[in-house]
């Protein structure tokens, strides 16, 4: 009965007090009912219900929320970004005629933070001259007008291929990288009679005031120098006979442990690691460069990412950084030629680009090693976190983690084997409502981290290469393992021990319907941290 209809009078302050109590009780009941009807919502940030955190309804099932994909058609190799006029300029190989026609162009996107991207359209059209379509290369800003096209002209050296013959061509832009013109003297480097001769990577050698080109030549990297980006002189070669056909070479100088007085050079390539039980990916050596020869410090290369899908990667520095040698960025193509054409085809194909990573060169177990972590700007996408209590997971039992309510999310975990009854293995399971799942496993005995997607939504219909489990040695630090996992609709990227190791793979579950858990096998596991952050949608703009 409403208070105003009570049959006996009450003082005003008493009426007000009763109103407050009744309204409070009603509000509490509504909140409790909502929490019961929406699993996992008790600690959920209200912002995750807004459009910012939900993919648009007209998007296809698997279009990523935070990873770069084309609006339609096919994408593959990334091209190294550069910074000009307040923007990052990034290009990737793009086939507008897929699947009916071949050939790639350079598609252009720009960004202020390397997380949100704006479409700028095709910058270098395929078949613009009689030398074929446009393959991988690199773009540089010619700040000193060495090529004669004007100060700050953007010069792109790319591979063109026609009738199976690969040549290097120059394209130049006088409007800041939005459109390019084919140089009338193309090709600037004609094929010397070899099958694989591609992917020119151009860097400015400050110490010697000249341009340096790395060229992928089958099982060799060729080093060339030039004063003007047009005429090139061969200097030396770096050969390997155990990494397949070398692609997408890379060379840069970095400070060790951030110390500008301690620097070393890093030579990277995209290679095939089958001979050592790996797949294709970005591998590298640290060593010295004297303007002519690269001398590695170690025989065996290291791998930047041990997952199935981090290929044709490029790295670049930040000219705005206080110490550019202390940190670089990297991005890779999240796909694998072993099954690239077999992934589900909807409004686009070719996988997606990885999260942009921050690279540092740290001393790990006495040797300089590239560490990679998600770029700081990814934190802009994070919503309010949900936490799981610190607890012991008993042998052969599992505990539930916070339930994701968005299609993309970031999961941070810290685990350790129990001191009295240590587990042999801990398994993190990302499970779909239909029973398909992805597993992140850590073996405490041999200290190996693994990523398995052989039970995800598409694995049964994919080639065998897709179902192979990928692993990497990841030692415990201070007795524990820390993981930073970025999950999107088509991918899982794991960063372990503050970036000492990473595993990135295309992996597909139903968006927004994951159940997360941790299981302890052969003993007990201490769960010391479990934090889940929803990730907002980073939609491309036009």
Protein backbone atom coordinates (compact mmCIF):
# COMPACT_ATOMS: atom_id res chain seq x y z
CA UNK A 1 0.00 0.00 0.00
CA UNK A 2 1.42 3.42 -0.87
CA UNK A 3 2.51 5.49 2.11
CA UNK A 4 0.17 8.32 1.12
CA UNK A 5 -2.79 5.98 1.71
CA UNK A 6 -1.85 4.95 5.25
CA UNK A 7 -4.76 5.39 7.66
CA UNK A 8 -2.73 7.08 10.39
CA UNK A 9 -0.70 10.22 10.20
CA UNK A 10 3.14 10.14 10.31
CA UNK A 11 5.63 12.91 10.83
CA UNK A 12 7.23 14.18 7.61
CA UNK A 13 10.75 12.96 8.48
CA UNK A 14 9.40 9.45 9.16
CA UNK A 15 7.67 9.36 5.78
CA UNK A 16 10.90 10.44 4.05
CA UNK A 17 12.89 7.78 5.88
CA UNK A 18 10.47 5.03 4.87
CA UNK A 19 10.64 6.15 1.24
CA UNK A 20 14.41 5.94 1.24
CA UNK A 21 14.38 2.44 2.76
CA UNK A 22 11.76 1.13 0.33
CA UNK A 23 13.51 2.54 -2.73
CA UNK A 24 16.81 1.13 -1.55
CA UNK A 25 15.31 -2.32 -1.08
CA UNK A 26 13.73 -2.25 -4.53
CA UNK A 27 17.03 -1.22 -6.12
CA UNK A 28 18.90 -4.01 -4.33
CA UNK A 29 16.38 -6.63 -5.48
CA UNK A 30 16.60 -5.46 -9.09
CA UNK A 31 20.41 -5.59 -9.06
CA UNK A 32 20.40 -9.06 -7.48
CA UNK A 33 17.93 -10.34 -10.06
CA UNK A 34 20.00 -8.89 -12.92
CA UNK A 35 23.16 -10.51 -11.57
CA UNK A 36 21.41 -13.91 -11.35
CA UNK A 37 20.06 -13.65 -14.88
CA UNK A 38 23.41 -12.59 -16.38
CA UNK A 39 26.22 -15.01 -15.44
CA UNK A 40 29.50 -13.26 -14.63
CA UNK A 41 27.93 -9.81 -14.58
CA UNK A 42 28.21 -9.07 -10.85
CA UNK A 43 31.64 -7.47 -11.27
CA UNK A 44 31.12 -6.37 -14.85
CA UNK A 45 31.74 -2.78 -15.91
CA UNK A 46 28.54 -1.17 -17.18
CA UNK A 47 30.54 0.16 -20.13
CA UNK A 48 30.79 -3.32 -21.66
CA UNK A 49 27.10 -3.08 -22.56
CA UNK A 50 27.70 -0.04 -24.74
CA UNK A 51 28.40 0.02 -28.47
CA UNK A 52 32.03 0.77 -27.72
CA UNK A 53 32.55 -2.82 -26.55
CA UNK A 54 30.23 -4.67 -28.95
CA UNK A 55 30.93 -5.38 -32.59
CA UNK A 56 28.34 -3.89 -34.97
CA UNK A 57 25.47 -6.25 -35.75
CA UNK A 58 26.09 -6.02 -39.49
CA UNK A 59 29.63 -7.36 -39.23
CA UNK A 60 30.31 -10.91 -40.37
CA UNK A 61 30.66 -13.62 -37.71
CA UNK A 62 34.42 -13.58 -37.36
CA UNK A 63 35.52 -10.07 -38.29
CA UNK A 64 38.00 -9.13 -35.52
CA UNK A 65 37.11 -6.41 -33.04
CA UNK A 66 40.64 -5.09 -32.51
CA UNK A 67 42.77 -6.48 -35.37
CA UNK A 68 43.23 -4.91 -38.79
CA UNK A 69 41.43 -6.60 -41.70
CA UNK A 70 40.42 -5.32 -45.14
CA UNK A 71 36.84 -4.25 -45.69
CA UNK A 72 36.65 -6.96 -48.33
CA UNK A 73 38.76 -9.24 -50.51
CA UNK A 74 42.28 -10.48 -49.70
CA UNK A 75 45.19 -9.21 -47.53
CA UNK A 76 48.68 -10.50 -46.82
CA UNK A 77 52.20 -9.12 -46.19
CA UNK A 78 52.50 -5.93 -44.09
CA UNK A 79 54.86 -3.19 -45.29
CA UNK A 80 56.95 -1.30 -42.74
CA UNK A 81 55.11 1.84 -41.50
CA UNK A 82 56.63 5.31 -41.40
CA UNK A 83 55.65 8.49 -39.53
CA UNK A 84 54.93 11.65 -41.55
CA UNK A 85 52.86 14.78 -40.90
CA UNK A 86 51.53 13.51 -37.58
CA UNK A 87 50.38 10.11 -38.86
CA UNK A 88 51.61 6.57 -39.11
CA UNK A 89 51.33 5.38 -42.73
CA UNK A 90 50.96 1.62 -43.19
CA UNK A 91 50.51 -0.47 -46.34
CA UNK A 92 49.66 -4.12 -46.87
CA UNK A 93 49.37 -6.37 -49.92
CA UNK A 94 45.81 -6.42 -51.19
CA UNK A 95 44.03 -8.31 -53.97
CA UNK A 96 40.73 -6.70 -54.95
CA UNK A 97 40.08 -9.51 -57.46
CA UNK A 98 40.29 -12.41 -55.00
CA UNK A 99 39.36 -15.23 -55.51
CA UNK A 100 38.78 -14.91 -59.25
CA UNK A 101 41.91 -12.95 -60.17
CA UNK A 102 45.53 -12.79 -59.06
CA UNK A 103 47.93 -9.99 -58.28
CA UNK A 104 48.40 -7.65 -55.35
CA UNK A 105 48.48 -3.89 -54.85
CA UNK A 106 49.58 -1.76 -51.87
CA UNK A 107 46.60 -0.77 -49.72
CA UNK A 108 47.07 2.28 -47.48
CA UNK A 109 45.80 2.92 -43.95
CA UNK A 110 46.81 5.61 -41.45
CA UNK A 111 46.78 5.85 -37.67
CA UNK A 112 47.67 8.12 -34.80
CA UNK A 113 48.13 5.32 -32.23
CA UNK A 114 48.76 2.07 -34.19
CA UNK A 115 45.50 0.67 -32.81
CA UNK A 116 42.80 2.62 -34.66
CA UNK A 117 43.11 2.73 -38.47
CA UNK A 118 41.65 4.85 -41.24
CA UNK A 119 41.21 3.53 -44.79
CA UNK A 120 43.01 5.57 -47.43
CA UNK A 121 42.48 3.22 -50.38
CA UNK A 122 44.94 1.68 -52.82
CA UNK A 123 48.17 3.68 -53.00
CA UNK A 124 50.10 1.64 -55.59
CA UNK A 125 47.89 -0.05 -58.15
CA UNK A 126 48.86 -3.41 -59.57
CA UNK A 127 49.70 -3.64 -63.29
CA UNK A 128 50.46 0.09 -63.57
CA UNK A 129 53.37 -0.67 -65.89
CA UNK A 130 54.44 -3.68 -67.93
CA UNK A 131 56.41 -5.26 -65.05
CA UNK A 132 53.52 -7.03 -63.32
CA UNK A 133 51.79 -6.71 -59.96
CA UNK A 134 53.14 -5.17 -56.76
CA UNK A 135 54.75 -7.38 -54.14
CA UNK A 136 56.50 -6.68 -50.86
CA UNK A 137 59.07 -3.92 -50.49
CA UNK A 138 59.53 -0.92 -48.24
CA UNK A 139 58.74 2.79 -48.15
CA UNK A 140 61.05 5.53 -46.84
CA UNK A 141 60.76 9.28 -46.43
CA UNK A 142 63.57 10.88 -48.44
CA UNK A 143 64.24 13.78 -46.05
CA UNK A 144 67.41 14.84 -47.89
CA UNK A 145 66.03 14.53 -51.45
CA UNK A 146 68.68 12.00 -52.39
CA UNK A 147 66.48 10.56 -55.15
CA UNK A 148 65.61 13.94 -56.69
CA UNK A 149 61.83 13.78 -56.31
CA UNK A 150 61.75 16.51 -53.66
CA UNK A 151 62.41 16.84 -49.95
CA UNK A 152 60.26 14.43 -47.91
CA UNK A 153 59.10 12.55 -51.00
CA UNK A 154 58.00 9.03 -50.08
CA UNK A 155 59.98 6.44 -52.04
CA UNK A 156 58.81 2.85 -52.29
CA UNK A 157 61.05 0.10 -53.62
CA UNK A 158 59.00 -2.98 -54.41
CA UNK A 159 59.28 -6.31 -56.16
CA UNK A 160 57.33 -6.68 -59.39
CA UNK A 161 56.84 -10.03 -61.02
CA UNK A 162 55.85 -10.88 -64.56
CA UNK A 163 56.16 -14.25 -66.34
CA UNK A 164 57.89 -15.64 -63.25
CA UNK A 165 60.70 -13.05 -63.30
CA UNK A 166 61.15 -10.90 -60.19
CA UNK A 167 62.58 -7.38 -60.48
CA UNK A 168 62.89 -4.34 -58.23
CA UNK A 169 61.03 -1.13 -59.11
CA UNK A 170 60.81 2.36 -57.66
CA UNK A 171 57.57 4.27 -57.06
CA UNK A 172 57.51 7.79 -55.66
CA UNK A 173 54.91 9.95 -53.92
CA UNK A 174 54.89 13.73 -53.63
CA UNK A 175 51.61 13.91 -51.70
CA UNK A 176 52.75 12.27 -48.45
CA UNK A 177 52.31 8.63 -49.42
CA UNK A 178 48.68 8.70 -50.60
CA UNK A 179 49.41 8.06 -54.29
CA UNK A 180 52.49 6.87 -56.14
CA UNK A 181 53.96 7.21 -59.62
CA UNK A 182 56.00 4.54 -61.36
CA UNK A 183 59.57 5.77 -62.01
CA UNK A 184 60.29 5.95 -65.74
CA UNK A 185 63.61 4.14 -65.23
CA UNK A 186 61.98 0.96 -63.84
CA UNK A 187 63.13 -1.61 -63.15
CA UNK A 188 65.95 -0.07 -61.17
CA UNK A 189 67.35 -3.59 -60.59
CA UNK A 190 66.88 -6.25 -63.24
CA UNK A 191 66.88 -9.92 -62.38
CA UNK A 192 70.36 -11.49 -62.64
CA UNK A 193 68.91 -14.85 -63.65
CA UNK A 194 67.71 -16.29 -60.31
CA UNK A 195 64.28 -17.57 -59.32
CA UNK A 196 63.82 -15.91 -55.91
CA UNK A 197 64.94 -12.26 -55.85
CA UNK A 198 62.54 -10.10 -53.88
CA UNK A 199 61.31 -8.12 -50.86
CA UNK A 200 63.72 -5.12 -50.79
CA UNK A 201 64.11 -3.62 -47.32
CA UNK A 202 65.56 -0.09 -47.37
CA UNK A 203 67.20 1.63 -44.39
CA UNK A 204 69.29 4.77 -44.05
CA UNK A 205 72.80 4.09 -42.74
CA UNK A 206 73.45 7.23 -40.69
CA UNK A 207 77.06 6.41 -39.94
CA UNK A 208 77.97 6.14 -43.63
CA UNK A 209 75.36 8.54 -45.08
CA UNK A 210 74.06 6.06 -47.64
CA UNK A 211 71.07 3.86 -48.30
CA UNK A 212 71.24 0.17 -47.52
CA UNK A 213 69.08 -2.49 -49.20
CA UNK A 214 68.51 -6.06 -48.04
CA UNK A 215 67.21 -8.39 -50.74
CA UNK A 216 65.85 -11.92 -50.26
CA UNK A 217 67.69 -14.14 -52.76
CA UNK A 218 66.57 -17.73 -52.17
CA UNK A 219 68.71 -18.99 -49.30
CA UNK A 220 70.68 -15.75 -49.07
CA UNK A 221 70.24 -12.14 -48.03
CA UNK A 222 72.02 -9.76 -50.38
CA UNK A 223 73.31 -6.42 -49.05
CA UNK A 224 73.42 -3.45 -51.44
CA UNK A 225 74.24 0.25 -50.98
CA UNK A 226 73.17 3.37 -52.87
CA UNK A 227 73.58 7.17 -52.71
CA UNK A 228 70.23 7.90 -54.39
CA UNK A 229 67.83 4.91 -54.14
CA UNK A 230 68.19 4.34 -57.91
CA UNK A 231 71.64 2.81 -58.46
CA UNK A 232 72.73 -0.03 -56.20
CA UNK A 233 76.06 -1.74 -55.54
CA UNK A 234 76.32 -5.28 -54.18
CA UNK A 235 78.36 -5.54 -50.96
CA UNK A 236 77.97 -9.04 -49.49
CA UNK A 237 75.63 -11.92 -48.73
CA UNK A 238 74.43 -13.80 -45.67
CA UNK A 239 73.51 -17.43 -46.47
CA UNK A 240 71.52 -20.14 -44.69
CA UNK A 241 70.70 -23.58 -46.05
CA UNK A 242 68.32 -24.73 -43.32
CA UNK A 243 65.52 -22.13 -43.35
CA UNK A 244 63.82 -22.63 -46.71
CA UNK A 245 63.31 -19.73 -49.08
CA UNK A 246 64.19 -16.54 -47.20
CA UNK A 247 61.68 -13.66 -47.36
CA UNK A 248 61.12 -10.17 -45.92
CA UNK A 249 64.62 -9.37 -44.53
CA UNK A 250 65.14 -6.81 -41.77
CA UNK A 251 68.18 -5.07 -40.23
CA UNK A 252 68.29 -2.58 -37.37
CA UNK A 253 70.38 -1.40 -34.43
CA UNK A 254 69.08 -1.61 -30.85
CA UNK A 255 70.24 -0.68 -27.39
CA UNK A 256 70.77 -3.64 -25.05
CA UNK A 257 68.69 -3.27 -21.88
CA UNK A 258 67.87 0.29 -22.99
CA UNK A 259 71.48 1.46 -22.61
CA UNK A 260 72.35 3.75 -25.58
CA UNK A 261 76.05 3.05 -24.91
CA UNK A 262 75.52 -0.69 -25.48
CA UNK A 263 74.07 -1.39 -28.91
CA UNK A 264 74.02 -4.34 -31.25
CA UNK A 265 72.57 -5.07 -34.68
CA UNK A 266 69.67 -7.43 -35.34
CA UNK A 267 69.22 -9.25 -38.64
CA UNK A 268 65.74 -10.70 -39.13
CA UNK A 269 64.07 -12.76 -41.86
CA UNK A 270 60.84 -14.61 -42.47
CA UNK A 271 61.79 -18.25 -42.78
CA UNK A 272 60.66 -21.87 -42.57
CA UNK A 273 61.60 -23.59 -39.31
CA UNK A 274 60.45 -27.08 -40.29
CA UNK A 275 63.97 -28.50 -39.85
CA UNK A 276 63.78 -27.69 -36.14
CA UNK A 277 60.13 -28.62 -35.57
CA UNK A 278 58.76 -25.12 -36.12
CA UNK A 279 56.59 -23.58 -38.79
CA UNK A 280 57.12 -20.37 -40.76
CA UNK A 281 57.80 -17.16 -38.84
CA UNK A 282 60.18 -14.31 -38.00
CA UNK A 283 63.67 -15.45 -36.99
CA UNK A 284 66.68 -13.33 -36.12
CA UNK A 285 70.33 -13.07 -35.12
CA UNK A 286 72.15 -10.43 -33.09
CA UNK A 287 75.58 -9.38 -34.31
CA UNK A 288 77.68 -6.64 -35.90
CA UNK A 289 77.34 -4.58 -39.08
CA UNK A 290 80.27 -2.66 -40.60
CA UNK A 291 78.57 -1.23 -43.67
CA UNK A 292 79.34 -4.28 -45.79
CA UNK A 293 79.04 -7.51 -43.79
CA UNK A 294 76.79 -8.78 -41.02
CA UNK A 295 78.54 -11.11 -38.56
CA UNK A 296 76.19 -13.02 -36.21
CA UNK A 297 77.04 -13.59 -32.56
CA UNK A 298 75.44 -17.03 -32.58
CA UNK A 299 74.97 -19.77 -35.18
CA UNK A 300 71.38 -20.69 -34.44
CA UNK A 301 68.70 -18.05 -34.91
CA UNK A 302 66.09 -17.11 -32.34
CA UNK A 303 62.39 -16.85 -33.08
CA UNK A 304 60.35 -13.78 -32.24
CA UNK A 305 57.08 -15.73 -32.07
CA UNK A 306 56.62 -19.48 -31.71
CA UNK A 307 53.00 -19.58 -32.88
CA UNK A 308 51.64 -20.73 -36.21
CA UNK A 309 50.66 -17.33 -37.56
CA UNK A 310 53.19 -14.53 -37.33
CA UNK A 311 54.76 -14.21 -40.77
CA UNK A 312 56.26 -11.54 -43.06
CA UNK A 313 56.72 -9.39 -39.97
CA UNK A 314 58.17 -5.88 -40.17
CA UNK A 315 59.75 -3.76 -37.44
CA UNK A 316 60.26 -0.01 -37.20
CA UNK A 317 61.45 2.68 -34.82
CA UNK A 318 59.57 5.66 -33.43
CA UNK A 319 61.20 8.95 -34.51
CA UNK A 320 59.35 10.71 -31.68
CA UNK A 321 60.85 8.52 -28.97
CA UNK A 322 63.34 9.98 -26.52
CA UNK A 323 65.65 6.99 -27.13
CA UNK A 324 64.70 5.44 -30.49
CA UNK A 325 67.26 2.64 -30.08
CA UNK A 326 65.66 1.40 -26.85
CA UNK A 327 62.37 0.26 -28.38
CA UNK A 328 60.87 -0.72 -31.73
CA UNK A 329 57.46 -1.76 -32.98
CA UNK A 330 56.53 -4.90 -34.91
CA UNK A 331 53.52 -6.25 -36.77
CA UNK A 332 53.05 -9.56 -38.57
CA UNK A 333 50.60 -11.23 -40.93
CA UNK A 334 48.46 -13.65 -38.92
CA UNK A 335 48.17 -16.45 -41.42
CA UNK A 336 50.18 -19.36 -42.79
CA UNK A 337 50.59 -20.38 -46.42
CA UNK A 338 50.02 -24.02 -45.37
CA UNK A 339 46.29 -23.22 -45.04
CA UNK A 340 45.84 -19.55 -45.96
CA UNK A 341 43.21 -20.30 -48.59
CA UNK A 342 41.31 -22.76 -46.40
CA UNK A 343 40.22 -20.33 -43.67
CA UNK A 344 36.47 -19.50 -43.57
CA UNK A 345 35.64 -17.04 -46.35
CA UNK A 346 33.02 -14.41 -45.69
CA UNK A 347 33.39 -10.75 -46.67
CA UNK A 348 37.20 -10.84 -46.55
CA UNK A 349 40.03 -13.42 -46.72
CA UNK A 350 43.68 -13.73 -45.89
CA UNK A 351 43.64 -13.63 -42.09
CA UNK A 352 44.41 -10.39 -40.26
CA UNK A 353 47.30 -8.33 -38.94
CA UNK A 354 48.65 -9.04 -35.48
CA UNK A 355 48.43 -6.68 -32.55
CA UNK A 356 51.26 -4.16 -32.89
CA UNK A 357 54.03 -5.15 -30.49
CA UNK A 358 56.67 -3.18 -28.60
CA UNK A 359 60.11 -4.74 -28.98
CA UNK A 360 62.96 -4.37 -26.54
CA UNK A 361 66.36 -6.06 -26.57
CA UNK A 362 66.99 -7.45 -23.11
CA UNK A 363 69.67 -9.64 -21.62
CA UNK A 364 68.01 -13.00 -20.91
CA UNK A 365 70.12 -15.77 -19.41
CA UNK A 366 73.26 -13.90 -20.46
CA UNK A 367 72.31 -13.20 -24.09
CA UNK A 368 70.54 -10.29 -25.84
CA UNK A 369 67.02 -11.34 -26.84
CA UNK A 370 64.09 -9.57 -28.44
CA UNK A 371 61.13 -9.31 -26.09
CA UNK A 372 57.69 -8.42 -27.40
CA UNK A 373 54.55 -7.18 -25.67
CA UNK A 374 51.33 -5.54 -26.88
CA UNK A 375 51.82 -1.86 -27.64
CA UNK A 376 50.87 0.41 -24.71
CA UNK A 377 48.04 1.94 -26.74
CA UNK A 378 46.10 -1.35 -26.51
CA UNK A 379 45.34 -0.34 -22.92
CA UNK A 380 43.13 2.42 -24.36
CA UNK A 381 40.71 -0.32 -25.42
CA UNK A 382 40.48 -1.94 -21.99
CA UNK A 383 37.34 -1.74 -19.91
CA UNK A 384 36.93 -2.35 -16.20
CA UNK A 385 38.71 -5.56 -15.09
CA UNK A 386 37.25 -8.56 -13.33
CA UNK A 387 39.42 -10.44 -10.87
CA UNK A 388 39.53 -14.01 -9.61
CA UNK A 389 40.57 -14.64 -6.01
CA UNK A 390 44.08 -15.90 -5.28
CA UNK A 391 43.70 -19.61 -4.59
CA UNK A 392 45.16 -23.09 -4.75
CA UNK A 393 43.88 -25.33 -7.55
CA UNK A 394 43.84 -28.90 -6.27
CA UNK A 395 45.22 -31.80 -8.31
CA UNK A 396 43.01 -32.75 -11.27
CA UNK A 397 40.54 -29.97 -10.43
CA UNK A 398 39.76 -26.77 -12.27
CA UNK A 399 38.54 -23.31 -11.32
CA UNK A 400 36.46 -20.95 -13.41
CA UNK A 401 37.83 -17.59 -14.48
CA UNK A 402 35.76 -14.46 -15.13
CA UNK A 403 33.40 -14.96 -18.05
CA UNK A 404 34.05 -12.71 -21.06
CA UNK A 405 31.08 -10.58 -22.07
CA UNK A 406 32.72 -9.09 -25.16
CA UNK A 407 34.07 -10.57 -28.37
CA UNK A 408 37.64 -9.41 -27.67
CA UNK A 409 39.33 -9.44 -24.30
CA UNK A 410 42.68 -9.49 -22.52
CA UNK A 411 43.46 -12.11 -19.89
CA UNK A 412 46.41 -11.78 -17.50
CA UNK A 413 47.39 -14.80 -15.41
CA UNK A 414 50.14 -15.58 -12.91
CA UNK A 415 50.59 -19.20 -11.81
CA UNK A 416 53.13 -21.26 -9.88
CA UNK A 417 53.49 -24.91 -8.87
CA UNK A 418 52.46 -25.49 -5.27
CA UNK A 419 55.49 -25.75 -2.97
CA UNK A 420 54.28 -28.86 -1.11
CA UNK A 421 52.47 -30.73 -3.88
CA UNK A 422 53.63 -29.23 -7.18
CA UNK A 423 51.60 -29.76 -10.32
CA UNK A 424 53.13 -31.25 -13.42
CA UNK A 425 51.01 -29.12 -15.74
CA UNK A 426 48.48 -26.30 -15.76
CA UNK A 427 45.96 -25.88 -18.57
CA UNK A 428 44.04 -22.73 -19.42
CA UNK A 429 40.93 -23.59 -21.43
CA UNK A 430 38.97 -21.21 -23.67
CA UNK A 431 35.73 -23.09 -24.33
CA UNK A 432 32.85 -22.44 -26.72
CA UNK A 433 29.19 -23.10 -25.89
CA UNK A 434 29.22 -25.88 -28.54
CA UNK A 435 32.10 -27.70 -26.81
CA UNK A 436 34.94 -26.61 -29.10
CA UNK A 437 37.93 -25.17 -27.28
CA UNK A 438 41.48 -23.80 -27.36
CA UNK A 439 44.07 -24.81 -24.77
CA UNK A 440 47.07 -22.93 -23.40
CA UNK A 441 49.25 -25.41 -21.50
CA UNK A 442 52.33 -25.03 -19.34
CA UNK A 443 54.47 -28.02 -18.34
CA UNK A 444 56.15 -27.16 -15.04
CA UNK A 445 58.71 -29.97 -15.41
CA UNK A 446 60.23 -29.04 -18.76
CA UNK A 447 59.01 -25.41 -18.53
CA UNK A 448 57.33 -25.45 -21.94
CA UNK A 449 54.38 -23.31 -22.99
CA UNK A 450 52.04 -24.69 -25.67
CA UNK A 451 49.09 -23.47 -27.71
CA UNK A 452 46.64 -26.04 -29.07
CA UNK A 453 43.75 -25.21 -31.38
CA UNK A 454 43.10 -28.74 -32.69
CA UNK A 455 39.63 -28.65 -31.11
CA UNK A 456 38.50 -25.16 -32.13
CA UNK A 457 35.47 -24.53 -34.36
CA UNK A 458 37.24 -25.06 -37.70
CA UNK A 459 40.09 -27.47 -36.91
CA UNK A 460 38.29 -30.59 -38.12
CA UNK A 461 37.88 -29.12 -41.61
CA UNK A 462 41.40 -27.66 -41.88
CA UNK A 463 44.65 -29.18 -43.22
CA UNK A 464 46.80 -31.15 -40.76
CA UNK A 465 49.22 -28.23 -40.41
CA UNK A 466 46.46 -26.26 -38.69
CA UNK A 467 46.03 -28.90 -35.97
CA UNK A 468 49.71 -29.07 -35.00
CA UNK A 469 50.45 -27.93 -31.44
CA UNK A 470 53.01 -25.11 -31.13
CA UNK A 471 55.33 -24.91 -28.12
CA UNK A 472 58.15 -22.78 -26.77
CA UNK A 473 60.60 -23.13 -23.87
CA UNK A 474 59.64 -20.53 -21.25
CA UNK A 475 61.57 -20.74 -17.96
CA UNK A 476 59.84 -19.85 -14.71
CA UNK A 477 60.93 -16.51 -13.23
CA UNK A 478 61.00 -16.28 -9.43
CA UNK A 479 59.20 -19.60 -9.46
CA UNK A 480 56.16 -18.43 -11.40
CA UNK A 481 54.72 -17.99 -14.89
CA UNK A 482 53.01 -14.81 -16.06
CA UNK A 483 50.84 -14.73 -19.18
CA UNK A 484 49.26 -11.85 -21.06
CA UNK A 485 46.71 -13.22 -23.55
CA UNK A 486 44.94 -11.12 -26.19
CA UNK A 487 41.90 -12.90 -27.63
CA UNK A 488 39.84 -11.75 -30.60
CA UNK A 489 37.26 -13.43 -32.83
CA UNK A 490 39.90 -15.09 -35.03
CA UNK A 491 43.08 -15.07 -32.97
CA UNK A 492 44.89 -15.80 -29.74
CA UNK A 493 48.19 -14.04 -28.94
CA UNK A 494 50.11 -15.16 -25.84
CA UNK A 495 52.90 -13.06 -24.32
CA UNK A 496 54.79 -14.87 -21.56
CA UNK A 497 57.12 -13.60 -18.83
CA UNK A 498 56.80 -9.92 -19.71
CA UNK A 499 57.45 -10.63 -23.37
CA UNK A 500 60.29 -13.16 -23.23
CA UNK A 501 58.25 -15.45 -25.47
CA UNK A 502 55.11 -15.18 -27.57
CA UNK A 503 52.83 -17.59 -29.43
CA UNK A 504 50.32 -16.19 -31.92
CA UNK A 505 47.81 -18.19 -33.90
CA UNK A 506 44.62 -17.88 -35.86
CA UNK A 507 42.09 -19.60 -33.59
CA UNK A 508 38.33 -19.52 -33.92
CA UNK A 509 35.53 -19.91 -31.37
CA UNK A 510 32.05 -18.39 -31.34
CA UNK A 511 32.47 -14.68 -30.55
CA UNK A 512 31.31 -13.61 -27.11
CA UNK A 513 30.49 -17.06 -25.73
CA UNK A 514 33.69 -18.24 -24.06
CA UNK A 515 34.00 -20.03 -20.74
CA UNK A 516 37.46 -19.74 -19.20
CA UNK A 517 39.02 -22.11 -16.68
CA UNK A 518 42.37 -23.28 -15.29
CA UNK A 519 43.02 -26.96 -14.55
CA UNK A 520 45.86 -28.39 -12.44
CA UNK A 521 47.28 -31.80 -13.40
CA UNK A 522 49.57 -34.13 -11.44
CA UNK A 523 49.63 -31.89 -8.38
CA UNK A 524 48.47 -28.49 -7.14
CA UNK A 525 48.84 -25.08 -8.78
CA UNK A 526 48.84 -21.70 -7.08
CA UNK A 527 46.73 -19.20 -9.02
CA UNK A 528 48.23 -15.88 -7.98
CA UNK A 529 46.48 -13.57 -10.42
CA UNK A 530 43.65 -13.81 -12.95
CA UNK A 531 42.43 -10.54 -14.43
CA UNK A 532 40.10 -10.15 -17.39
CA UNK A 533 39.66 -6.88 -19.27
CA UNK A 534 37.09 -6.44 -22.05
CA UNK A 535 38.52 -4.80 -25.17
CA UNK A 536 36.58 -2.14 -27.04
CA UNK A 537 36.06 -2.40 -30.79
CA UNK A 538 38.70 -0.63 -32.87
CA UNK A 539 36.72 -0.30 -36.09
CA UNK A 540 38.41 1.06 -39.22
CA UNK A 541 37.15 4.40 -40.41
CA UNK A 542 36.91 5.85 -43.89
